[in-house]
């Protein structure tokens, strides 16, 4: 078994096999890298009036109910709350992927925007496609494949340097070139 040939073949076929999942991971990863800088991915964070919350959780639900455009009737309509006391804001994330930012000091709605970062994260880890089956059955092996590609790519990168070093060493293994590639000098000219 020739290690170099096996490494090249593994690198080639694994690369083809994981192409689509890795394109998804890389593309969504790039979007997630800039989520704080891109309001298209994640809404800008607004500041409230104070750092001590003046409203209770029940007040948050009442505020959400008082705005019919949010379609909130109970806590079941709310996915999660992200309370930022230092910034005086609570981010209310709805199951519909909308985010409503409420001032913790006054109860005013500061900002409303569609939040794409959660969708992009579920695409990134593969759970959006078919849940854990896709995440663990396709994206996890693709990640392992990417690790193998990295290692085989590193090996393929190092090979020429190893070959050059061996040629320079006295007593190093010299591989003769095939006759068609060898050059012969005849009277100072190549022949």
C-alpha atoms as a PDB file:
ATOM      1  CA  UNK A   1       0.000   0.000   0.000  1.00  0.00           C
ATOM      2  CA  UNK A   2       1.417   3.368  -1.041  1.00  0.00           C
ATOM      3  CA  UNK A   3       0.714   5.922   1.693  1.00  0.00           C
ATOM      4  CA  UNK A   4       1.025   8.916  -0.621  1.00  0.00           C
ATOM      5  CA  UNK A   5      -1.387   7.497  -3.205  1.00  0.00           C
ATOM      6  CA  UNK A   6      -3.864   6.465  -0.486  1.00  0.00           C
ATOM      7  CA  UNK A   7      -3.634   9.933   1.063  1.00  0.00           C
ATOM      8  CA  UNK A   8      -4.342  11.599  -2.291  1.00  0.00           C
ATOM      9  CA  UNK A   9      -7.318   9.337  -2.992  1.00  0.00           C
ATOM     10  CA  UNK A  10      -8.750   9.841   0.497  1.00  0.00           C
ATOM     11  CA  UNK A  11      -8.299  13.594   0.178  1.00  0.00           C
ATOM     12  CA  UNK A  12     -10.018  13.614  -3.216  1.00  0.00           C
ATOM     13  CA  UNK A  13     -13.031  11.421  -2.385  1.00  0.00           C
ATOM     14  CA  UNK A  14     -13.669  12.811   1.085  1.00  0.00           C
ATOM     15  CA  UNK A  15     -13.544  16.322  -0.391  1.00  0.00           C
ATOM     16  CA  UNK A  16     -16.220  15.423  -2.931  1.00  0.00           C
ATOM     17  CA  UNK A  17     -18.301  13.595  -0.313  1.00  0.00           C
ATOM     18  CA  UNK A  18     -18.525  16.492   2.109  1.00  0.00           C
ATOM     19  CA  UNK A  19     -18.726  19.311  -0.441  1.00  0.00           C
ATOM     20  CA  UNK A  20     -22.389  20.296   0.039  1.00  0.00           C
ATOM     21  CA  UNK A  21     -22.528  20.122   3.875  1.00  0.00           C
ATOM     22  CA  UNK A  22     -19.256  22.048   4.122  1.00  0.00           C
ATOM     23  CA  UNK A  23     -20.532  24.751   1.747  1.00  0.00           C
ATOM     24  CA  UNK A  24     -23.534  25.158   4.061  1.00  0.00           C
ATOM     25  CA  UNK A  25     -21.310  25.244   7.159  1.00  0.00           C
ATOM     26  CA  UNK A  26     -18.838  27.746   5.675  1.00  0.00           C
ATOM     27  CA  UNK A  27     -21.505  30.071   4.243  1.00  0.00           C
ATOM     28  CA  UNK A  28     -23.565  30.151   7.430  1.00  0.00           C
ATOM     29  CA  UNK A  29     -20.392  30.398   9.518  1.00  0.00           C
ATOM     30  CA  UNK A  30     -19.377  33.534   7.628  1.00  0.00           C
ATOM     31  CA  UNK A  31     -22.810  35.052   8.297  1.00  0.00           C
ATOM     32  CA  UNK A  32     -22.571  34.151  11.992  1.00  0.00           C
ATOM     33  CA  UNK A  33     -19.115  35.750  12.190  1.00  0.00           C
ATOM     34  CA  UNK A  34     -20.652  39.124  11.337  1.00  0.00           C
ATOM     35  CA  UNK A  35     -23.985  38.776  13.163  1.00  0.00           C
ATOM     36  CA  UNK A  36     -23.214  41.624  15.575  1.00  0.00           C
ATOM     37  CA  UNK A  37     -22.191  43.863  12.660  1.00  0.00           C
ATOM     38  CA  UNK A  38     -25.110  42.959  10.381  1.00  0.00           C
ATOM     39  CA  UNK A  39     -28.630  43.953  11.386  1.00  0.00           C
ATOM     40  CA  UNK A  40     -29.908  41.637   8.618  1.00  0.00           C
ATOM     41  CA  UNK A  41     -28.622  38.619  10.585  1.00  0.00           C
ATOM     42  CA  UNK A  42     -29.300  39.842  14.122  1.00  0.00           C
ATOM     43  CA  UNK A  43     -31.158  43.044  15.032  1.00  0.00           C
ATOM     44  CA  UNK A  44     -29.141  45.894  16.493  1.00  0.00           C
ATOM     45  CA  UNK A  45     -29.281  46.040  20.277  1.00  0.00           C
ATOM     46  CA  UNK A  46     -30.895  49.168  21.698  1.00  0.00           C
ATOM     47  CA  UNK A  47     -30.261  50.621  25.156  1.00  0.00           C
ATOM     48  CA  UNK A  48     -32.935  51.153  27.737  1.00  0.00           C
ATOM     49  CA  UNK A  49     -33.213  53.993  30.241  1.00  0.00           C
ATOM     50  CA  UNK A  50     -31.601  52.379  33.248  1.00  0.00           C
ATOM     51  CA  UNK A  51     -29.642  49.472  34.636  1.00  0.00           C
ATOM     52  CA  UNK A  52     -32.152  48.475  37.332  1.00  0.00           C
ATOM     53  CA  UNK A  53     -35.226  46.679  35.929  1.00  0.00           C
ATOM     54  CA  UNK A  54     -38.391  48.550  36.896  1.00  0.00           C
ATOM     55  CA  UNK A  55     -40.808  46.129  35.210  1.00  0.00           C
ATOM     56  CA  UNK A  56     -41.665  42.549  36.147  1.00  0.00           C
ATOM     57  CA  UNK A  57     -41.976  39.492  33.904  1.00  0.00           C
ATOM     58  CA  UNK A  58     -45.765  39.778  33.970  1.00  0.00           C
ATOM     59  CA  UNK A  59     -45.372  43.371  32.728  1.00  0.00           C
ATOM     60  CA  UNK A  60     -43.374  42.062  29.764  1.00  0.00           C
ATOM     61  CA  UNK A  61     -46.216  39.684  28.870  1.00  0.00           C
ATOM     62  CA  UNK A  62     -48.780  42.494  29.266  1.00  0.00           C
ATOM     63  CA  UNK A  63     -46.733  44.788  26.990  1.00  0.00           C
ATOM     64  CA  UNK A  64     -46.512  42.045  24.356  1.00  0.00           C
ATOM     65  CA  UNK A  65     -50.292  41.419  24.588  1.00  0.00           C
ATOM     66  CA  UNK A  66     -51.039  45.140  24.206  1.00  0.00           C
ATOM     67  CA  UNK A  67     -49.473  45.160  20.733  1.00  0.00           C
ATOM     68  CA  UNK A  68     -51.721  42.994  18.520  1.00  0.00           C
ATOM     69  CA  UNK A  69     -49.149  42.908  15.687  1.00  0.00           C
ATOM     70  CA  UNK A  70     -47.010  40.581  17.849  1.00  0.00           C
ATOM     71  CA  UNK A  71     -49.828  37.981  18.167  1.00  0.00           C
ATOM     72  CA  UNK A  72     -48.936  37.133  21.762  1.00  0.00           C
ATOM     73  CA  UNK A  73     -51.721  35.734  23.950  1.00  0.00           C
ATOM     74  CA  UNK A  74     -49.683  33.832  26.555  1.00  0.00           C
ATOM     75  CA  UNK A  75     -46.175  32.725  27.477  1.00  0.00           C
ATOM     76  CA  UNK A  76     -46.602  29.866  24.988  1.00  0.00           C
ATOM     77  CA  UNK A  77     -46.205  32.392  22.155  1.00  0.00           C
ATOM     78  CA  UNK A  78     -42.807  33.497  23.459  1.00  0.00           C
ATOM     79  CA  UNK A  79     -39.718  31.430  22.703  1.00  0.00           C
ATOM     80  CA  UNK A  80     -37.380  33.110  25.194  1.00  0.00           C
ATOM     81  CA  UNK A  81     -36.423  36.266  27.019  1.00  0.00           C
ATOM     82  CA  UNK A  82     -32.927  37.691  26.906  1.00  0.00           C
ATOM     83  CA  UNK A  83     -32.660  40.106  29.835  1.00  0.00           C
ATOM     84  CA  UNK A  84     -29.767  42.596  29.687  1.00  0.00           C
ATOM     85  CA  UNK A  85     -29.990  44.612  32.935  1.00  0.00           C
ATOM     86  CA  UNK A  86     -26.701  46.434  32.232  1.00  0.00           C
ATOM     87  CA  UNK A  87     -28.187  47.772  28.992  1.00  0.00           C
ATOM     88  CA  UNK A  88     -31.676  48.266  30.397  1.00  0.00           C
ATOM     89  CA  UNK A  89     -33.346  46.056  27.809  1.00  0.00           C
ATOM     90  CA  UNK A  90     -35.148  42.741  27.538  1.00  0.00           C
ATOM     91  CA  UNK A  91     -35.220  41.017  24.160  1.00  0.00           C
ATOM     92  CA  UNK A  92     -38.402  39.046  23.673  1.00  0.00           C
ATOM     93  CA  UNK A  93     -37.933  36.365  21.026  1.00  0.00           C
ATOM     94  CA  UNK A  94     -41.097  34.995  19.522  1.00  0.00           C
ATOM     95  CA  UNK A  95     -41.533  31.566  17.925  1.00  0.00           C
ATOM     96  CA  UNK A  96     -42.012  33.391  14.625  1.00  0.00           C
ATOM     97  CA  UNK A  97     -38.341  34.548  14.828  1.00  0.00           C
ATOM     98  CA  UNK A  98     -39.326  38.149  15.510  1.00  0.00           C
ATOM     99  CA  UNK A  99     -37.502  40.004  18.266  1.00  0.00           C
ATOM    100  CA  UNK A 100     -39.047  42.775  20.333  1.00  0.00           C
ATOM    101  CA  UNK A 101     -36.771  44.888  22.535  1.00  0.00           C
ATOM    102  CA  UNK A 102     -38.439  46.432  25.574  1.00  0.00           C
ATOM    103  CA  UNK A 103     -36.990  49.121  27.835  1.00  0.00           C
ATOM    104  CA  UNK A 104     -36.663  47.635  31.338  1.00  0.00           C
ATOM    105  CA  UNK A 105     -37.073  51.075  32.894  1.00  0.00           C
ATOM    106  CA  UNK A 106     -40.163  52.383  31.087  1.00  0.00           C
ATOM    107  CA  UNK A 107     -41.717  49.356  29.382  1.00  0.00           C
ATOM    108  CA  UNK A 108     -41.562  51.074  25.989  1.00  0.00           C
ATOM    109  CA  UNK A 109     -40.981  49.004  22.868  1.00  0.00           C
ATOM    110  CA  UNK A 110     -37.583  50.150  21.605  1.00  0.00           C
ATOM    111  CA  UNK A 111     -37.210  48.059  18.494  1.00  0.00           C
ATOM    112  CA  UNK A 112     -38.866  45.261  16.523  1.00  0.00           C
ATOM    113  CA  UNK A 113     -37.065  43.235  13.861  1.00  0.00           C
ATOM    114  CA  UNK A 114     -36.904  39.820  12.262  1.00  0.00           C
ATOM    115  CA  UNK A 115     -34.053  37.772  13.748  1.00  0.00           C
ATOM    116  CA  UNK A 116     -32.297  35.433  11.286  1.00  0.00           C
ATOM    117  CA  UNK A 117     -29.356  34.336  13.455  1.00  0.00           C
ATOM    118  CA  UNK A 118     -31.241  31.416  15.056  1.00  0.00           C
ATOM    119  CA  UNK A 119     -32.262  30.090  11.629  1.00  0.00           C
ATOM    120  CA  UNK A 120     -28.706  30.494  10.354  1.00  0.00           C
ATOM    121  CA  UNK A 121     -27.355  28.652  13.427  1.00  0.00           C
ATOM    122  CA  UNK A 122     -29.740  25.733  12.828  1.00  0.00           C
ATOM    123  CA  UNK A 123     -28.600  25.607   9.185  1.00  0.00           C
ATOM    124  CA  UNK A 124     -24.981  25.800  10.356  1.00  0.00           C
ATOM    125  CA  UNK A 125     -25.212  22.760  12.636  1.00  0.00           C
ATOM    126  CA  UNK A 126     -27.566  20.832  10.316  1.00  0.00           C
ATOM    127  CA  UNK A 127     -30.486  20.595  12.756  1.00  0.00           C
ATOM    128  CA  UNK A 128     -32.772  22.649  10.477  1.00  0.00           C
ATOM    129  CA  UNK A 129     -32.912  19.946   7.780  1.00  0.00           C
ATOM    130  CA  UNK A 130     -34.245  16.959   9.729  1.00  0.00           C
ATOM    131  CA  UNK A 131     -33.263  17.509  13.341  1.00  0.00           C
ATOM    132  CA  UNK A 132     -30.710  15.312  15.071  1.00  0.00           C
ATOM    133  CA  UNK A 133     -30.584  12.750  12.256  1.00  0.00           C
ATOM    134  CA  UNK A 134     -29.103  15.253   9.811  1.00  0.00           C
ATOM    135  CA  UNK A 135     -27.017  16.955  12.474  1.00  0.00           C
ATOM    136  CA  UNK A 136     -25.413  13.728  13.718  1.00  0.00           C
ATOM    137  CA  UNK A 137     -25.703  11.615  10.559  1.00  0.00           C
ATOM    138  CA  UNK A 138     -24.462  14.079   7.921  1.00  0.00           C
ATOM    139  CA  UNK A 139     -22.959  17.214   9.457  1.00  0.00           C
ATOM    140  CA  UNK A 140     -20.956  15.497  12.222  1.00  0.00           C
ATOM    141  CA  UNK A 141     -19.341  12.998   9.800  1.00  0.00           C
ATOM    142  CA  UNK A 142     -18.700  15.889   7.411  1.00  0.00           C
ATOM    143  CA  UNK A 143     -16.884  17.684  10.226  1.00  0.00           C
ATOM    144  CA  UNK A 144     -14.780  14.570  10.826  1.00  0.00           C
ATOM    145  CA  UNK A 145     -14.187  14.435   7.061  1.00  0.00           C
ATOM    146  CA  UNK A 146     -13.028  18.053   7.138  1.00  0.00           C
ATOM    147  CA  UNK A 147     -10.551  17.139   9.875  1.00  0.00           C
ATOM    148  CA  UNK A 148      -9.254  14.259   7.709  1.00  0.00           C
ATOM    149  CA  UNK A 149      -9.045  16.635   4.709  1.00  0.00           C
ATOM    150  CA  UNK A 150      -7.016  19.067   6.798  1.00  0.00           C
ATOM    151  CA  UNK A 151      -4.600  16.353   7.921  1.00  0.00           C
ATOM    152  CA  UNK A 152      -4.218  14.776   4.478  1.00  0.00           C
ATOM    153  CA  UNK A 153      -3.873  18.240   2.926  1.00  0.00           C
ATOM    154  CA  UNK A 154      -1.111  19.025   5.396  1.00  0.00           C
ATOM    155  CA  UNK A 155       0.613  15.744   4.497  1.00  0.00           C
ATOM    156  CA  UNK A 156       0.307  16.479   0.766  1.00  0.00           C
ATOM    157  CA  UNK A 157       1.718  19.967   1.401  1.00  0.00           C
ATOM    158  CA  UNK A 158       4.723  18.581   3.301  1.00  0.00           C
ATOM    159  CA  UNK A 159       5.582  15.861   0.750  1.00  0.00           C
ATOM    160  CA  UNK A 160       7.489  18.056  -1.749  1.00  0.00           C
ATOM    161  CA  UNK A 161       9.571  19.574   1.046  1.00  0.00           C
ATOM    162  CA  UNK A 162      10.475  16.111   2.352  1.00  0.00           C
ATOM    163  CA  UNK A 163      11.430  14.979  -1.154  1.00  0.00           C
ATOM    164  CA  UNK A 164      13.676  18.027  -1.694  1.00  0.00           C
ATOM    165  CA  UNK A 165      15.364  17.526   1.655  1.00  0.00           C
ATOM    166  CA  UNK A 166      16.050  13.865   0.858  1.00  0.00           C
ATOM    167  CA  UNK A 167      17.581  14.801  -2.486  1.00  0.00           C
ATOM    168  CA  UNK A 168      19.947  17.290  -0.819  1.00  0.00           C
ATOM    169  CA  UNK A 169      21.098  14.857   1.890  1.00  0.00           C
ATOM    170  CA  UNK A 170      24.218  12.865   1.114  1.00  0.00           C
ATOM    171  CA  UNK A 171      23.156   9.265   0.798  1.00  0.00           C
ATOM    172  CA  UNK A 172      19.528  10.345   0.529  1.00  0.00           C
ATOM    173  CA  UNK A 173      17.243   8.353  -1.675  1.00  0.00           C
ATOM    174  CA  UNK A 174      17.359   9.705  -5.211  1.00  0.00           C
ATOM    175  CA  UNK A 175      14.535   8.836  -7.515  1.00  0.00           C
ATOM    176  CA  UNK A 176      15.659   8.672 -11.142  1.00  0.00           C
ATOM    177  CA  UNK A 177      13.537  10.505 -13.686  1.00  0.00           C
ATOM    178  CA  UNK A 178      12.026   8.524 -16.516  1.00  0.00           C
ATOM    179  CA  UNK A 179      14.100   8.703 -19.707  1.00  0.00           C
ATOM    180  CA  UNK A 180      11.536  10.897 -21.460  1.00  0.00           C
ATOM    181  CA  UNK A 181      11.891  13.615 -18.808  1.00  0.00           C
ATOM    182  CA  UNK A 182      15.641  13.376 -18.328  1.00  0.00           C
ATOM    183  CA  UNK A 183      17.765  15.879 -20.176  1.00  0.00           C
ATOM    184  CA  UNK A 184      21.039  14.956 -21.799  1.00  0.00           C
ATOM    185  CA  UNK A 185      23.765  17.406 -22.685  1.00  0.00           C
ATOM    186  CA  UNK A 186      25.515  16.905 -25.946  1.00  0.00           C
ATOM    187  CA  UNK A 187      28.129  19.522 -26.844  1.00  0.00           C
ATOM    188  CA  UNK A 188      26.527  22.011 -24.437  1.00  0.00           C
ATOM    189  CA  UNK A 189      23.103  21.641 -26.082  1.00  0.00           C
ATOM    190  CA  UNK A 190      20.098  19.752 -24.935  1.00  0.00           C
ATOM    191  CA  UNK A 191      19.413  16.786 -27.048  1.00  0.00           C
END
